[in-house]
C-alpha atoms as a PDB file:
ATOM      1  CA  UNK A   1       0.008   0.102   0.002  1.00  0.00           C
ATOM      2  CA  UNK A   2       1.324   3.569  -0.880  1.00  0.00           C
ATOM      3  CA  UNK A   3       1.391   5.892   2.174  1.00  0.00           C
ATOM      4  CA  UNK A   4       2.097   9.844   1.588  1.00  0.00           C
ATOM      5  CA  UNK A   5       6.019   9.396   2.031  1.00  0.00           C
ATOM      6  CA  UNK A   6       6.308   6.693  -0.320  1.00  0.00           C
ATOM      7  CA  UNK A   7       3.800   8.851  -3.358  1.00  0.00           C
ATOM      8  CA  UNK A   8       4.432  12.731  -2.193  1.00  0.00           C
ATOM      9  CA  UNK A   9       2.440  15.469  -3.614  1.00  0.00           C
ATOM     10  CA  UNK A  10       3.969  17.342  -6.415  1.00  0.00           C
ATOM     11  CA  UNK A  11       3.035  20.642  -7.495  1.00  0.00           C
ATOM     12  CA  UNK A  12       4.806  21.400 -10.984  1.00  0.00           C
ATOM     13  CA  UNK A  13       4.820  25.283 -12.165  1.00  0.00           C
ATOM     14  CA  UNK A  14       5.863  25.957 -15.995  1.00  0.00           C
ATOM     15  CA  UNK A  15       7.628  29.180 -16.725  1.00  0.00           C
ATOM     16  CA  UNK A  16       7.667  29.410 -20.293  1.00  0.00           C
ATOM     17  CA  UNK A  17       9.969  32.315 -20.394  1.00  0.00           C
ATOM     18  CA  UNK A  18      12.671  29.823 -19.549  1.00  0.00           C
ATOM     19  CA  UNK A  19      10.892  26.498 -20.061  1.00  0.00           C
ATOM     20  CA  UNK A  20      11.604  25.940 -16.442  1.00  0.00           C
ATOM     21  CA  UNK A  21       9.847  24.131 -14.046  1.00  0.00           C
ATOM     22  CA  UNK A  22       9.680  24.854 -10.481  1.00  0.00           C
ATOM     23  CA  UNK A  23       8.707  21.972  -8.177  1.00  0.00           C
ATOM     24  CA  UNK A  24       6.625  22.237  -4.659  1.00  0.00           C
ATOM     25  CA  UNK A  25       7.059  18.673  -2.837  1.00  0.00           C
ATOM     26  CA  UNK A  26       5.049  17.729   0.136  1.00  0.00           C
ATOM     27  CA  UNK A  27       3.079  15.335   2.083  1.00  0.00           C
ATOM     28  CA  UNK A  28      -0.336  17.014   2.508  1.00  0.00           C
ATOM     29  CA  UNK A  29      -2.016  20.109   2.724  1.00  0.00           C
ATOM     30  CA  UNK A  30      -0.534  21.904   5.957  1.00  0.00           C
ATOM     31  CA  UNK A  31       2.144  19.941   5.952  1.00  0.00           C
ATOM     32  CA  UNK A  32       5.985  20.872   5.485  1.00  0.00           C
ATOM     33  CA  UNK A  33       7.287  21.180   1.796  1.00  0.00           C
ATOM     34  CA  UNK A  34      10.458  21.843  -0.244  1.00  0.00           C
ATOM     35  CA  UNK A  35      10.941  24.078  -3.131  1.00  0.00           C
ATOM     36  CA  UNK A  36      13.160  22.427  -6.003  1.00  0.00           C
ATOM     37  CA  UNK A  37      14.407  24.779  -8.809  1.00  0.00           C
ATOM     38  CA  UNK A  38      12.977  28.618  -8.652  1.00  0.00           C
ATOM     39  CA  UNK A  39      12.523  31.253 -11.542  1.00  0.00           C
ATOM     40  CA  UNK A  40      13.640  35.014 -10.812  1.00  0.00           C
ATOM     41  CA  UNK A  41      12.006  36.670 -13.769  1.00  0.00           C
ATOM     42  CA  UNK A  42      14.764  38.675 -15.849  1.00  0.00           C
ATOM     43  CA  UNK A  43      14.033  40.649 -18.748  1.00  0.00           C
ATOM     44  CA  UNK A  44      17.483  40.920 -21.174  1.00  0.00           C
ATOM     45  CA  UNK A  45      16.636  43.690 -22.676  1.00  0.00           C
ATOM     46  CA  UNK A  46      16.206  46.171 -19.695  1.00  0.00           C
ATOM     47  CA  UNK A  47      18.536  44.164 -17.087  1.00  0.00           C
ATOM     48  CA  UNK A  48      15.331  44.348 -14.809  1.00  0.00           C
ATOM     49  CA  UNK A  49      13.995  41.399 -12.123  1.00  0.00           C
ATOM     50  CA  UNK A  50      10.872  40.769 -11.165  1.00  0.00           C
ATOM     51  CA  UNK A  51       8.831  38.040  -9.628  1.00  0.00           C
ATOM     52  CA  UNK A  52       6.100  36.337 -11.040  1.00  0.00           C
ATOM     53  CA  UNK A  53       7.253  33.021 -11.586  1.00  0.00           C
ATOM     54  CA  UNK A  54       8.113  32.946  -7.950  1.00  0.00           C
ATOM     55  CA  UNK A  55       4.961  34.548  -6.830  1.00  0.00           C
ATOM     56  CA  UNK A  56       2.603  31.726  -8.191  1.00  0.00           C
ATOM     57  CA  UNK A  57       5.121  29.474  -5.978  1.00  0.00           C
ATOM     58  CA  UNK A  58       4.501  31.547  -3.061  1.00  0.00           C
ATOM     59  CA  UNK A  59       0.761  31.498  -3.534  1.00  0.00           C
ATOM     60  CA  UNK A  60       0.283  27.698  -3.851  1.00  0.00           C
ATOM     61  CA  UNK A  61       2.431  27.141  -0.683  1.00  0.00           C
ATOM     62  CA  UNK A  62       0.149  29.769   1.172  1.00  0.00           C
ATOM     63  CA  UNK A  63      -3.148  28.122  -0.357  1.00  0.00           C
ATOM     64  CA  UNK A  64      -2.058  24.823   1.368  1.00  0.00           C
ATOM     65  CA  UNK A  65      -0.915  26.275   4.266  1.00  0.00           C
ATOM     66  CA  UNK A  66       3.013  24.528   3.890  1.00  0.00           C
ATOM     67  CA  UNK A  67       5.723  25.195   5.872  1.00  0.00           C
ATOM     68  CA  UNK A  68       8.926  25.779   3.761  1.00  0.00           C
ATOM     69  CA  UNK A  69      11.627  23.563   4.775  1.00  0.00           C
ATOM     70  CA  UNK A  70      14.316  23.596   1.972  1.00  0.00           C
ATOM     71  CA  UNK A  71      14.766  25.730  -1.215  1.00  0.00           C
ATOM     72  CA  UNK A  72      16.629  23.295  -3.209  1.00  0.00           C
ATOM     73  CA  UNK A  73      18.501  23.914  -6.648  1.00  0.00           C
ATOM     74  CA  UNK A  74      19.459  20.859  -8.735  1.00  0.00           C
ATOM     75  CA  UNK A  75      22.888  22.818  -9.889  1.00  0.00           C
ATOM     76  CA  UNK A  76      23.640  26.323 -11.021  1.00  0.00           C
ATOM     77  CA  UNK A  77      21.829  26.822 -14.265  1.00  0.00           C
ATOM     78  CA  UNK A  78      22.885  28.343 -16.995  1.00  0.00           C
ATOM     79  CA  UNK A  79      19.079  29.202 -18.334  1.00  0.00           C
ATOM     80  CA  UNK A  80      17.427  30.733 -15.584  1.00  0.00           C
ATOM     81  CA  UNK A  81      17.850  32.415 -12.866  1.00  0.00           C
ATOM     82  CA  UNK A  82      17.141  31.399  -9.131  1.00  0.00           C
ATOM     83  CA  UNK A  83      14.986  32.895  -6.703  1.00  0.00           C
ATOM     84  CA  UNK A  84      15.867  31.621  -3.656  1.00  0.00           C
ATOM     85  CA  UNK A  85      16.682  34.453  -1.432  1.00  0.00           C
ATOM     86  CA  UNK A  86      13.089  36.072  -2.570  1.00  0.00           C
ATOM     87  CA  UNK A  87      11.129  33.209  -1.833  1.00  0.00           C
ATOM     88  CA  UNK A  88      12.977  32.573   1.668  1.00  0.00           C
ATOM     89  CA  UNK A  89      12.622  35.911   2.906  1.00  0.00           C
ATOM     90  CA  UNK A  90       8.686  35.485   1.799  1.00  0.00           C
ATOM     91  CA  UNK A  91       8.544  31.772   3.334  1.00  0.00           C
ATOM     92  CA  UNK A  92      11.538  30.848   5.318  1.00  0.00           C
ATOM     93  CA  UNK A  93      13.221  27.649   4.830  1.00  0.00           C
ATOM     94  CA  UNK A  94      17.032  26.948   3.787  1.00  0.00           C
ATOM     95  CA  UNK A  95      18.754  26.902   0.587  1.00  0.00           C
ATOM     96  CA  UNK A  96      20.730  24.326  -0.533  1.00  0.00           C
ATOM     97  CA  UNK A  97      22.761  22.665  -3.233  1.00  0.00           C
ATOM     98  CA  UNK A  98      25.054  19.817  -4.300  1.00  0.00           C
ATOM     99  CA  UNK A  99      28.725  20.026  -2.348  1.00  0.00           C
ATOM    100  CA  UNK A 100      30.835  19.946  -5.981  1.00  0.00           C
ATOM    101  CA  UNK A 101      29.208  23.536  -6.161  1.00  0.00           C
ATOM    102  CA  UNK A 102      32.608  25.191  -4.897  1.00  0.00           C
ATOM    103  CA  UNK A 103      33.987  23.510  -8.405  1.00  0.00           C
ATOM    104  CA  UNK A 104      31.754  25.229 -10.391  1.00  0.00           C
ATOM    105  CA  UNK A 105      32.051  28.327  -8.347  1.00  0.00           C
ATOM    106  CA  UNK A 106      36.258  28.194  -8.962  1.00  0.00           C
ATOM    107  CA  UNK A 107      35.335  28.151 -12.234  1.00  0.00           C
ATOM    108  CA  UNK A 108      33.155  30.911 -13.293  1.00  0.00           C
ATOM    109  CA  UNK A 109      35.278  33.351 -10.338  1.00  0.00           C
ATOM    110  CA  UNK A 110      37.960  32.824 -12.716  1.00  0.00           C
ATOM    111  CA  UNK A 111      36.114  33.525 -15.807  1.00  0.00           C
ATOM    112  CA  UNK A 112      33.983  36.481 -14.752  1.00  0.00           C
ATOM    113  CA  UNK A 113      37.046  38.269 -12.836  1.00  0.00           C
ATOM    114  CA  UNK A 114      34.488  38.256  -9.962  1.00  0.00           C
ATOM    115  CA  UNK A 115      35.302  40.392  -6.932  1.00  0.00           C
ATOM    116  CA  UNK A 116      38.115  39.671  -4.599  1.00  0.00           C
ATOM    117  CA  UNK A 117      35.657  38.798  -1.579  1.00  0.00           C
ATOM    118  CA  UNK A 118      33.641  36.466  -3.739  1.00  0.00           C
ATOM    119  CA  UNK A 119      33.589  33.208  -1.472  1.00  0.00           C
ATOM    120  CA  UNK A 120      34.535  30.032  -3.457  1.00  0.00           C
ATOM    121  CA  UNK A 121      33.526  27.772  -0.475  1.00  0.00           C
ATOM    122  CA  UNK A 122      29.571  27.283  -1.484  1.00  0.00           C
ATOM    123  CA  UNK A 123      29.044  29.738   2.036  1.00  0.00           C
ATOM    124  CA  UNK A 124      26.068  31.511   0.184  1.00  0.00           C
ATOM    125  CA  UNK A 125      24.106  28.496   0.468  1.00  0.00           C
ATOM    126  CA  UNK A 126      22.456  27.602   3.860  1.00  0.00           C
ATOM    127  CA  UNK A 127      23.693  24.078   3.225  1.00  0.00           C
ATOM    128  CA  UNK A 128      26.009  21.944   1.116  1.00  0.00           C
ATOM    129  CA  UNK A 129      24.238  18.295   0.406  1.00  0.00           C
ATOM    130  CA  UNK A 130      26.804  15.790   0.090  1.00  0.00           C
ATOM    131  CA  UNK A 131      26.187  12.568  -2.025  1.00  0.00           C
ATOM    132  CA  UNK A 132      23.242  10.529  -0.945  1.00  0.00           C
ATOM    133  CA  UNK A 133      22.620  12.435   2.254  1.00  0.00           C
ATOM    134  CA  UNK A 134      18.781  11.941   3.768  1.00  0.00           C
ATOM    135  CA  UNK A 135      16.990  15.475   3.486  1.00  0.00           C
ATOM    136  CA  UNK A 136      13.849  15.395   5.301  1.00  0.00           C
ATOM    137  CA  UNK A 137      10.707  17.847   4.725  1.00  0.00           C
ATOM    138  CA  UNK A 138       8.579  17.087   7.691  1.00  0.00           C
ATOM    139  CA  UNK A 139       7.548  13.174   7.344  1.00  0.00           C
ATOM    140  CA  UNK A 140       9.290  12.659   4.130  1.00  0.00           C
ATOM    141  CA  UNK A 141      12.783  11.623   3.986  1.00  0.00           C
ATOM    142  CA  UNK A 142      14.534  12.225   0.822  1.00  0.00           C
ATOM    143  CA  UNK A 143      17.662  11.448  -0.934  1.00  0.00           C
ATOM    144  CA  UNK A 144      20.432  12.996  -2.488  1.00  0.00           C
ATOM    145  CA  UNK A 145      21.623  11.330  -5.675  1.00  0.00           C
ATOM    146  CA  UNK A 146      24.682  12.921  -7.663  1.00  0.00           C
ATOM    147  CA  UNK A 147      24.454  12.971 -11.110  1.00  0.00           C
ATOM    148  CA  UNK A 148      26.796  14.896 -12.563  1.00  0.00           C
ATOM    149  CA  UNK A 149      27.627  15.225 -16.712  1.00  0.00           C
ATOM    150  CA  UNK A 150      25.785  18.490 -17.539  1.00  0.00           C
ATOM    151  CA  UNK A 151      27.344  20.468 -14.391  1.00  0.00           C
ATOM    152  CA  UNK A 152      30.037  18.297 -12.083  1.00  0.00           C
ATOM    153  CA  UNK A 153      27.584  19.838  -9.271  1.00  0.00           C
ATOM    154  CA  UNK A 154      24.484  18.260 -10.498  1.00  0.00           C
ATOM    155  CA  UNK A 155      22.096  16.596  -7.975  1.00  0.00           C
ATOM    156  CA  UNK A 156      19.051  14.700  -8.642  1.00  0.00           C
ATOM    157  CA  UNK A 157      16.037  14.577  -5.396  1.00  0.00           C
ATOM    158  CA  UNK A 158      14.316  12.086  -4.753  1.00  0.00           C
ATOM    159  CA  UNK A 159      11.363  11.813  -2.074  1.00  0.00           C
ATOM    160  CA  UNK A 160       9.285   8.294  -2.044  1.00  0.00           C
ATOM    161  CA  UNK A 161       8.312   7.403  -5.741  1.00  0.00           C
ATOM    162  CA  UNK A 162       9.318  10.696  -6.799  1.00  0.00           C
ATOM    163  CA  UNK A 163      12.585  11.543  -8.233  1.00  0.00           C
ATOM    164  CA  UNK A 164      13.619  15.280  -9.618  1.00  0.00           C
ATOM    165  CA  UNK A 165      16.170  14.704 -12.336  1.00  0.00           C
ATOM    166  CA  UNK A 166      17.670  18.223 -12.972  1.00  0.00           C
ATOM    167  CA  UNK A 167      19.203  18.481 -15.996  1.00  0.00           C
ATOM    168  CA  UNK A 168      20.260  14.751 -16.179  1.00  0.00           C
ATOM    169  CA  UNK A 169      17.045  14.040 -18.397  1.00  0.00           C
ATOM    170  CA  UNK A 170      14.532  15.554 -20.221  1.00  0.00           C
ATOM    171  CA  UNK A 171      11.570  14.218 -21.668  1.00  0.00           C
ATOM    172  CA  UNK A 172      11.621  10.958 -24.298  1.00  0.00           C
ATOM    173  CA  UNK A 173      11.512  13.030 -27.045  1.00  0.00           C
ATOM    174  CA  UNK A 174      13.690  15.970 -25.527  1.00  0.00           C
ATOM    175  CA  UNK A 175      16.522  13.414 -24.743  1.00  0.00           C
ATOM    176  CA  UNK A 176      19.152  14.776 -22.343  1.00  0.00           C
ATOM    177  CA  UNK A 177      20.975  18.011 -21.858  1.00  0.00           C
ATOM    178  CA  UNK A 178      24.230  19.174 -23.237  1.00  0.00           C
ATOM    179  CA  UNK A 179      27.643  18.370 -21.925  1.00  0.00           C
ATOM    180  CA  UNK A 180      29.688  21.114 -22.875  1.00  0.00           C
ATOM    181  CA  UNK A 181      29.765  23.534 -20.167  1.00  0.00           C
ATOM    182  CA  UNK A 182      32.617  23.789 -18.289  1.00  0.00           C
ATOM    183  CA  UNK A 183      33.382  20.661 -15.905  1.00  0.00           C
ATOM    184  CA  UNK A 184      30.708  18.869 -18.376  1.00  0.00           C
ATOM    185  CA  UNK A 185      31.102  15.545 -19.658  1.00  0.00           C
ATOM    186  CA  UNK A 186      29.606  13.188 -21.824  1.00  0.00           C
ATOM    187  CA  UNK A 187      30.860   9.949 -20.368  1.00  0.00           C
ATOM    188  CA  UNK A 188      29.921  10.997 -16.969  1.00  0.00           C
ATOM    189  CA  UNK A 189      26.467  11.891 -17.898  1.00  0.00           C
ATOM    190  CA  UNK A 190      25.828   8.415 -19.438  1.00  0.00           C
ATOM    191  CA  UNK A 191      26.655   6.580 -16.304  1.00  0.00           C
ATOM    192  CA  UNK A 192      24.307   9.245 -14.380  1.00  0.00           C
ATOM    193  CA  UNK A 193      21.545   8.336 -16.709  1.00  0.00           C
ATOM    194  CA  UNK A 194      22.071   4.591 -16.016  1.00  0.00           C
ATOM    195  CA  UNK A 195      22.210   5.236 -12.323  1.00  0.00           C
ATOM    196  CA  UNK A 196      18.666   7.026 -12.719  1.00  0.00           C
ATOM    197  CA  UNK A 197      17.537   4.465 -15.033  1.00  0.00           C
ATOM    198  CA  UNK A 198      18.153   1.742 -12.943  1.00  0.00           C
ATOM    199  CA  UNK A 199      15.658   2.776 -10.169  1.00  0.00           C
ATOM    200  CA  UNK A 200      12.336   0.638 -10.096  1.00  0.00           C
ATOM    201  CA  UNK A 201      10.036   1.073 -13.656  1.00  0.00           C
ATOM    202  CA  UNK A 202       7.575   2.903 -11.798  1.00  0.00           C
ATOM    203  CA  UNK A 203       9.592   5.422 -10.525  1.00  0.00           C
ATOM    204  CA  UNK A 204       8.211   8.871 -11.125  1.00  0.00           C
ATOM    205  CA  UNK A 205      10.682  11.055 -12.903  1.00  0.00           C
ATOM    206  CA  UNK A 206      10.277  15.197 -13.141  1.00  0.00           C
ATOM    207  CA  UNK A 207      12.280  17.256 -15.324  1.00  0.00           C
ATOM    208  CA  UNK A 208      13.054  20.581 -14.703  1.00  0.00           C
ATOM    209  CA  UNK A 209      12.932  21.918 -18.317  1.00  0.00           C
ATOM    210  CA  UNK A 210      10.525  20.871 -21.240  1.00  0.00           C
ATOM    211  CA  UNK A 211      11.385  22.026 -24.611  1.00  0.00           C
ATOM    212  CA  UNK A 212       8.270  20.062 -26.306  1.00  0.00           C
ATOM    213  CA  UNK A 213       9.031  19.527 -30.442  1.00  0.00           C
ATOM    214  CA  UNK A 214       6.368  19.230 -32.820  1.00  0.00           C
ATOM    215  CA  UNK A 215       3.980  21.520 -31.256  1.00  0.00           C
ATOM    216  CA  UNK A 216       3.209  18.690 -28.547  1.00  0.00           C
ATOM    217  CA  UNK A 217       1.992  20.481 -24.771  1.00  0.00           C
ATOM    218  CA  UNK A 218       4.272  20.642 -22.170  1.00  0.00           C
ATOM    219  CA  UNK A 219       4.680  17.982 -19.922  1.00  0.00           C
ATOM    220  CA  UNK A 220       7.387  17.388 -17.415  1.00  0.00           C
ATOM    221  CA  UNK A 221       6.546  13.650 -16.110  1.00  0.00           C
ATOM    222  CA  UNK A 222       7.570  10.587 -17.513  1.00  0.00           C
ATOM    223  CA  UNK A 223       8.505   7.258 -15.400  1.00  0.00           C
ATOM    224  CA  UNK A 224      11.682   5.460 -15.239  1.00  0.00           C
ATOM    225  CA  UNK A 225       9.879   2.329 -17.568  1.00  0.00           C
ATOM    226  CA  UNK A 226       9.115   5.420 -20.159  1.00  0.00           C
ATOM    227  CA  UNK A 227      12.359   6.375 -20.195  1.00  0.00           C
ATOM    228  CA  UNK A 228      13.797   3.367 -20.654  1.00  0.00           C
ATOM    229  CA  UNK A 229      11.747   2.339 -23.636  1.00  0.00           C
ATOM    230  CA  UNK A 230      11.980   5.492 -25.331  1.00  0.00           C
ATOM    231  CA  UNK A 231      13.957   8.059 -24.366  1.00  0.00           C
ATOM    232  CA  UNK A 232      15.607   9.376 -27.886  1.00  0.00           C
ATOM    233  CA  UNK A 233      19.352   9.538 -26.272  1.00  0.00           C
ATOM    234  CA  UNK A 234      19.577   6.788 -23.670  1.00  0.00           C
ATOM    235  CA  UNK A 235      16.852   4.064 -24.307  1.00  0.00           C
ATOM    236  CA  UNK A 236      17.981   0.536 -23.243  1.00  0.00           C
ATOM    237  CA  UNK A 237      20.468  -0.271 -25.785  1.00  0.00           C
ATOM    238  CA  UNK A 238      22.200   2.884 -26.261  1.00  0.00           C
ATOM    239  CA  UNK A 239      25.894   2.403 -25.543  1.00  0.00           C
ATOM    240  CA  UNK A 240      27.982   4.981 -23.836  1.00  0.00           C
ATOM    241  CA  UNK A 241      30.413   5.128 -26.944  1.00  0.00           C
ATOM    242  CA  UNK A 242      27.134   5.502 -29.036  1.00  0.00           C
ATOM    243  CA  UNK A 243      25.846   8.195 -26.510  1.00  0.00           C
ATOM    244  CA  UNK A 244      29.289   9.845 -26.037  1.00  0.00           C
ATOM    245  CA  UNK A 245      29.433  10.077 -29.981  1.00  0.00           C
ATOM    246  CA  UNK A 246      26.200  11.668 -30.081  1.00  0.00           C
ATOM    247  CA  UNK A 247      26.514  14.522 -27.329  1.00  0.00           C
ATOM    248  CA  UNK A 248      30.120  15.379 -28.603  1.00  0.00           C
ATOM    249  CA  UNK A 249      28.263  16.172 -32.045  1.00  0.00           C
ATOM    250  CA  UNK A 250      25.389  17.516 -30.984  1.00  0.00           C
ATOM    251  CA  UNK A 251      26.698  19.825 -28.420  1.00  0.00           C
ATOM    252  CA  UNK A 252      29.081  21.221 -31.106  1.00  0.00           C
ATOM    253  CA  UNK A 253      26.054  22.897 -33.139  1.00  0.00           C
ATOM    254  CA  UNK A 254      24.111  24.319 -30.009  1.00  0.00           C
ATOM    255  CA  UNK A 255      24.188  27.994 -29.551  1.00  0.00           C
ATOM    256  CA  UNK A 256      24.615  29.228 -25.330  1.00  0.00           C
ATOM    257  CA  UNK A 257      21.135  30.012 -23.500  1.00  0.00           C
ATOM    258  CA  UNK A 258      19.955  33.334 -23.935  1.00  0.00           C
ATOM    259  CA  UNK A 259      20.472  33.770 -20.053  1.00  0.00           C
ATOM    260  CA  UNK A 260      23.750  31.984 -19.553  1.00  0.00           C
ATOM    261  CA  UNK A 261      25.544  35.305 -18.391  1.00  0.00           C
ATOM    262  CA  UNK A 262      23.604  37.013 -15.802  1.00  0.00           C
ATOM    263  CA  UNK A 263      22.501  33.433 -14.599  1.00  0.00           C
ATOM    264  CA  UNK A 264      25.814  31.570 -13.886  1.00  0.00           C
ATOM    265  CA  UNK A 265      26.681  34.940 -11.762  1.00  0.00           C
ATOM    266  CA  UNK A 266      23.892  35.208  -9.817  1.00  0.00           C
ATOM    267  CA  UNK A 267      23.030  31.072  -9.320  1.00  0.00           C
ATOM    268  CA  UNK A 268      26.779  30.821  -7.754  1.00  0.00           C
ATOM    269  CA  UNK A 269      25.799  33.355  -5.319  1.00  0.00           C
ATOM    270  CA  UNK A 270      22.676  31.176  -4.353  1.00  0.00           C
ATOM    271  CA  UNK A 271      20.810  33.895  -6.258  1.00  0.00           C
ATOM    272  CA  UNK A 272      21.711  37.204  -4.708  1.00  0.00           C
ATOM    273  CA  UNK A 273      22.347  39.551  -7.166  1.00  0.00           C
ATOM    274  CA  UNK A 274      26.274  40.981  -7.321  1.00  0.00           C
ATOM    275  CA  UNK A 275      27.898  43.421  -4.511  1.00  0.00           C
ATOM    276  CA  UNK A 276      26.206  46.895  -5.238  1.00  0.00           C
ATOM    277  CA  UNK A 277      28.676  49.681  -6.418  1.00  0.00           C
ATOM    278  CA  UNK A 278      29.309  53.330  -5.423  1.00  0.00           C
ATOM    279  CA  UNK A 279      26.463  54.482  -7.469  1.00  0.00           C
ATOM    280  CA  UNK A 280      24.309  52.075  -5.270  1.00  0.00           C
ATOM    281  CA  UNK A 281      23.665  49.875  -8.534  1.00  0.00           C
ATOM    282  CA  UNK A 282      24.635  45.730  -8.809  1.00  0.00           C
ATOM    283  CA  UNK A 283      26.170  44.915 -12.375  1.00  0.00           C
ATOM    284  CA  UNK A 284      26.428  41.655 -14.746  1.00  0.00           C
ATOM    285  CA  UNK A 285      29.695  41.488 -16.116  1.00  0.00           C
ATOM    286  CA  UNK A 286      29.593  40.398 -19.821  1.00  0.00           C
ATOM    287  CA  UNK A 287      33.225  38.827 -20.967  1.00  0.00           C
ATOM    288  CA  UNK A 288      34.367  39.164 -24.402  1.00  0.00           C
ATOM    289  CA  UNK A 289      35.353  36.711 -26.364  1.00  0.00           C
ATOM    290  CA  UNK A 290      35.225  33.171 -23.713  1.00  0.00           C
ATOM    291  CA  UNK A 291      31.913  31.715 -24.435  1.00  0.00           C
END
């Protein structure tokens, strides 16, 4: 018999501007919850931030009388900015990311020549999560699954029969995420996909993005069985060598994400904006000829 802790409630909020899904995972109305992969709205033309996406999260949490215990990041995203500080200010909870974020911080501090006071120890987050660490959300006890490949710091989070895959897997007709960012590696990604696809076949998999082809409706929930049968990049029978060859060739054709420059600079800071300068304004850097 499935219980609320073995089959938790999952509510996904899709952000059409960034193709990102923010999740709230919880046991029942009135229980504790965790928020996964939040979105801070950002207009690249004006440089203005806003909170329409995050306010949808806040509304759902309050309507269902949930208590936020964790605001989790699967990794330092390159395609959207995190709203973690705003959500924490409104709802409480602790921010957390995989402990390999320190590797990402070291790389991007150099690329962006960040201020000398920028720390590379992950201390911008309330907690750094280790591989296989337990994550308690009220009566729910989750587990962190280390799934590098897209970045060296990617985590998936499992609560009962629900796994939040980050960018390791997409819907079966989309495949997997790119591996050509700093620290990414296609061979490592293949191993991470097999880790997820070795879970029980009925395990629910929740993607952190959807990029629907052929005008299909947005969808961000799958199962291990469906992925093993139909994922265009890693279905059963695809070898590591075949995947690596495909991933390298495909990645070479992809443009950089629209928001990579602001997103990475914000997300390695746990969603905080860069320190304001002498005129009271915070700035994003654009390194020339680096990407």
